[in-house]
Amino acid sequence: MGGPIANLLIGLGILLVVVGLIAKTGLLGWFGHLPGDIQIKRENFQFYLPITSMILVSLALSALLALIRRLF
């Protein structure tokens, strides 16, 4: 039973658990506070635009998907 889709879903599940555990320990505390992330705080207003962080997420996901395409 199963196939490549089942293996992909299991791999993604394991990856999500690992990232969740890393985030829970606080090792990703730097993420979202990189140079290039815009944060404006006023008295009754807060604006946050994580430009650099989202570029890193995009690069990581692109690399991961390219790796998955080569493997399957």
N, C-alpha and C. Protein backbone atom coordinates (compact mmCIF):
# COMPACT_ATOMS: atom_id res chain seq x y z
N MET A 1 0.82 -1.18 0.00
CA MET A 1 0.00 0.00 0.00
C MET A 1 0.87 1.25 0.00
N GLY A 2 0.35 2.31 -0.50
CA GLY A 2 1.09 3.56 -0.49
C GLY A 2 1.68 3.86 -1.84
N GLY A 3 2.55 4.77 -1.84
CA GLY A 3 3.19 5.18 -3.07
C GLY A 3 3.98 6.44 -2.82
N PRO A 4 4.36 7.11 -3.89
CA PRO A 4 5.17 8.31 -3.72
C PRO A 4 4.45 9.43 -2.97
N ILE A 5 3.13 9.55 -3.17
CA ILE A 5 2.40 10.61 -2.47
C ILE A 5 2.38 10.33 -0.96
N ALA A 6 2.19 9.07 -0.59
CA ALA A 6 2.18 8.72 0.83
C ALA A 6 3.54 9.01 1.46
N ASN A 7 4.61 8.67 0.76
CA ASN A 7 5.95 8.95 1.28
C ASN A 7 6.20 10.44 1.40
N LEU A 8 5.71 11.21 0.45
CA LEU A 8 5.86 12.66 0.50
C LEU A 8 5.12 13.24 1.69
N LEU A 9 3.90 12.78 1.93
CA LEU A 9 3.13 13.27 3.07
C LEU A 9 3.78 12.89 4.40
N ILE A 10 4.33 11.71 4.50
CA ILE A 10 5.03 11.31 5.72
C ILE A 10 6.26 12.18 5.92
N GLY A 11 7.01 12.43 4.87
CA GLY A 11 8.20 13.28 4.97
C GLY A 11 7.85 14.70 5.37
N LEU A 12 6.79 15.25 4.79
CA LEU A 12 6.37 16.60 5.15
C LEU A 12 5.88 16.67 6.59
N GLY A 13 5.21 15.62 7.04
CA GLY A 13 4.76 15.57 8.43
C GLY A 13 5.93 15.55 9.40
N ILE A 14 6.93 14.75 9.10
CA ILE A 14 8.12 14.69 9.94
C ILE A 14 8.83 16.03 9.94
N LEU A 15 8.94 16.66 8.78
CA LEU A 15 9.57 17.98 8.68
C LEU A 15 8.83 19.01 9.53
N LEU A 16 7.51 19.00 9.47
CA LEU A 16 6.72 19.94 10.27
C LEU A 16 6.91 19.70 11.76
N VAL A 17 7.00 18.45 12.19
CA VAL A 17 7.23 18.15 13.60
C VAL A 17 8.60 18.67 14.03
N VAL A 18 9.62 18.45 13.21
CA VAL A 18 10.97 18.91 13.54
C VAL A 18 11.02 20.44 13.63
N VAL A 19 10.43 21.13 12.66
CA VAL A 19 10.42 22.59 12.69
C VAL A 19 9.63 23.08 13.90
N GLY A 20 8.53 22.42 14.23
CA GLY A 20 7.76 22.80 15.41
C GLY A 20 8.54 22.64 16.69
N LEU A 21 9.30 21.56 16.81
CA LEU A 21 10.12 21.35 18.00
C LEU A 21 11.24 22.39 18.09
N ILE A 22 11.83 22.72 16.96
CA ILE A 22 12.88 23.75 16.95
C ILE A 22 12.30 25.10 17.36
N ALA A 23 11.12 25.43 16.85
CA ALA A 23 10.48 26.70 17.20
C ALA A 23 10.10 26.72 18.67
N LYS A 24 9.66 25.59 19.20
CA LYS A 24 9.25 25.52 20.60
C LYS A 24 10.43 25.74 21.54
N THR A 25 11.62 25.31 21.15
CA THR A 25 12.80 25.49 22.00
C THR A 25 13.33 26.91 21.95
N GLY A 26 12.89 27.70 21.00
CA GLY A 26 13.33 29.09 20.92
C GLY A 26 14.52 29.30 20.00
N LEU A 27 14.93 28.28 19.29
CA LEU A 27 16.08 28.41 18.39
C LEU A 27 15.77 29.26 17.16
N LEU A 28 14.49 29.49 16.90
CA LEU A 28 14.11 30.34 15.77
C LEU A 28 13.68 31.73 16.24
N GLY A 29 14.16 32.16 17.39
CA GLY A 29 13.82 33.47 17.93
C GLY A 29 14.31 34.62 17.07
N TRP A 30 15.35 34.40 16.30
CA TRP A 30 15.90 35.43 15.42
C TRP A 30 15.02 35.64 14.20
N PHE A 31 14.21 34.64 13.86
CA PHE A 31 13.40 34.71 12.66
C PHE A 31 12.29 35.75 12.85
N GLY A 32 12.18 36.67 11.94
CA GLY A 32 11.20 37.74 12.04
C GLY A 32 11.80 39.02 12.57
N HIS A 33 13.06 38.98 12.96
CA HIS A 33 13.74 40.17 13.47
C HIS A 33 15.04 40.40 12.69
N LEU A 34 15.00 40.12 11.42
CA LEU A 34 16.17 40.28 10.57
C LEU A 34 16.26 41.70 10.03
N PRO A 35 17.46 42.12 9.63
CA PRO A 35 17.56 43.42 8.96
C PRO A 35 16.74 43.38 7.67
N GLY A 36 15.94 44.37 7.46
CA GLY A 36 15.06 44.39 6.29
C GLY A 36 13.61 44.12 6.65
N ASP A 37 13.36 43.57 7.84
CA ASP A 37 12.00 43.41 8.32
C ASP A 37 11.54 44.75 8.89
N ILE A 38 10.44 45.25 8.40
CA ILE A 38 9.95 46.57 8.78
C ILE A 38 9.00 46.43 9.96
N GLN A 39 9.28 47.19 11.01
CA GLN A 39 8.43 47.17 12.20
C GLN A 39 8.24 48.61 12.68
N ILE A 40 6.98 49.04 12.72
CA ILE A 40 6.64 50.40 13.15
C ILE A 40 5.72 50.28 14.36
N LYS A 41 6.12 50.88 15.47
CA LYS A 41 5.28 50.88 16.68
C LYS A 41 4.96 52.31 17.05
N ARG A 42 3.67 52.57 17.21
CA ARG A 42 3.19 53.87 17.67
C ARG A 42 2.35 53.62 18.92
N GLU A 43 1.76 54.69 19.42
CA GLU A 43 0.99 54.59 20.66
C GLU A 43 -0.17 53.60 20.53
N ASN A 44 -0.99 53.74 19.50
CA ASN A 44 -2.15 52.85 19.32
C ASN A 44 -2.08 52.09 18.00
N PHE A 45 -0.89 51.89 17.50
CA PHE A 45 -0.75 51.28 16.17
C PHE A 45 0.54 50.48 16.11
N GLN A 46 0.46 49.32 15.48
CA GLN A 46 1.66 48.51 15.27
C GLN A 46 1.58 47.91 13.87
N PHE A 47 2.65 48.07 13.10
CA PHE A 47 2.73 47.55 11.74
C PHE A 47 4.00 46.73 11.60
N TYR A 48 3.87 45.54 11.01
CA TYR A 48 5.01 44.66 10.86
C TYR A 48 4.98 44.05 9.47
N LEU A 49 6.08 44.19 8.73
CA LEU A 49 6.20 43.64 7.38
C LEU A 49 7.53 42.88 7.29
N PRO A 50 7.47 41.54 7.41
CA PRO A 50 8.71 40.74 7.44
C PRO A 50 9.24 40.42 6.04
N ILE A 51 9.78 41.41 5.36
CA ILE A 51 10.23 41.24 3.97
C ILE A 51 11.39 40.23 3.89
N THR A 52 12.44 40.45 4.66
CA THR A 52 13.61 39.59 4.60
C THR A 52 13.28 38.17 5.05
N SER A 53 12.49 38.04 6.09
CA SER A 53 12.13 36.72 6.58
C SER A 53 11.34 35.94 5.53
N MET A 54 10.43 36.60 4.82
CA MET A 54 9.64 35.92 3.81
C MET A 54 10.48 35.56 2.58
N ILE A 55 11.49 36.36 2.28
CA ILE A 55 12.40 36.00 1.19
C ILE A 55 13.16 34.73 1.55
N LEU A 56 13.61 34.61 2.80
CA LEU A 56 14.29 33.39 3.25
C LEU A 56 13.35 32.18 3.19
N VAL A 57 12.10 32.35 3.59
CA VAL A 57 11.13 31.25 3.52
C VAL A 57 10.92 30.84 2.07
N SER A 58 10.81 31.82 1.18
CA SER A 58 10.62 31.53 -0.23
C SER A 58 11.80 30.76 -0.82
N LEU A 59 13.00 31.18 -0.48
CA LEU A 59 14.20 30.48 -0.97
C LEU A 59 14.27 29.05 -0.44
N ALA A 60 13.96 28.88 0.84
CA ALA A 60 14.01 27.54 1.44
C ALA A 60 12.96 26.62 0.81
N LEU A 61 11.75 27.13 0.61
CA LEU A 61 10.70 26.30 0.00
C LEU A 61 11.02 25.98 -1.45
N SER A 62 11.60 26.93 -2.17
CA SER A 62 11.98 26.67 -3.56
C SER A 62 13.06 25.59 -3.64
N ALA A 63 14.03 25.66 -2.74
CA ALA A 63 15.08 24.64 -2.71
C ALA A 63 14.51 23.28 -2.33
N LEU A 64 13.60 23.25 -1.36
CA LEU A 64 12.98 22.00 -0.93
C LEU A 64 12.15 21.38 -2.05
N LEU A 65 11.36 22.20 -2.73
CA LEU A 65 10.55 21.67 -3.83
C LEU A 65 11.41 21.20 -5.00
N ALA A 66 12.51 21.88 -5.28
CA ALA A 66 13.42 21.44 -6.34
C ALA A 66 14.04 20.08 -5.96
N LEU A 67 14.38 19.92 -4.70
CA LEU A 67 14.93 18.64 -4.23
C LEU A 67 13.89 17.53 -4.34
N ILE A 68 12.67 17.82 -3.95
CA ILE A 68 11.59 16.82 -4.03
C ILE A 68 11.34 16.44 -5.48
N ARG A 69 11.36 17.40 -6.39
CA ARG A 69 11.13 17.09 -7.81
C ARG A 69 12.22 16.20 -8.36
N ARG A 70 13.46 16.39 -7.90
CA ARG A 70 14.56 15.53 -8.38
C ARG A 70 14.46 14.12 -7.84
N LEU A 71 13.94 13.99 -6.62
CA LEU A 71 13.86 12.67 -5.99
C LEU A 71 12.69 11.84 -6.49
N PHE A 72 11.60 12.50 -6.89
CA PHE A 72 10.39 11.74 -7.27
C PHE A 72 10.10 11.93 -8.73
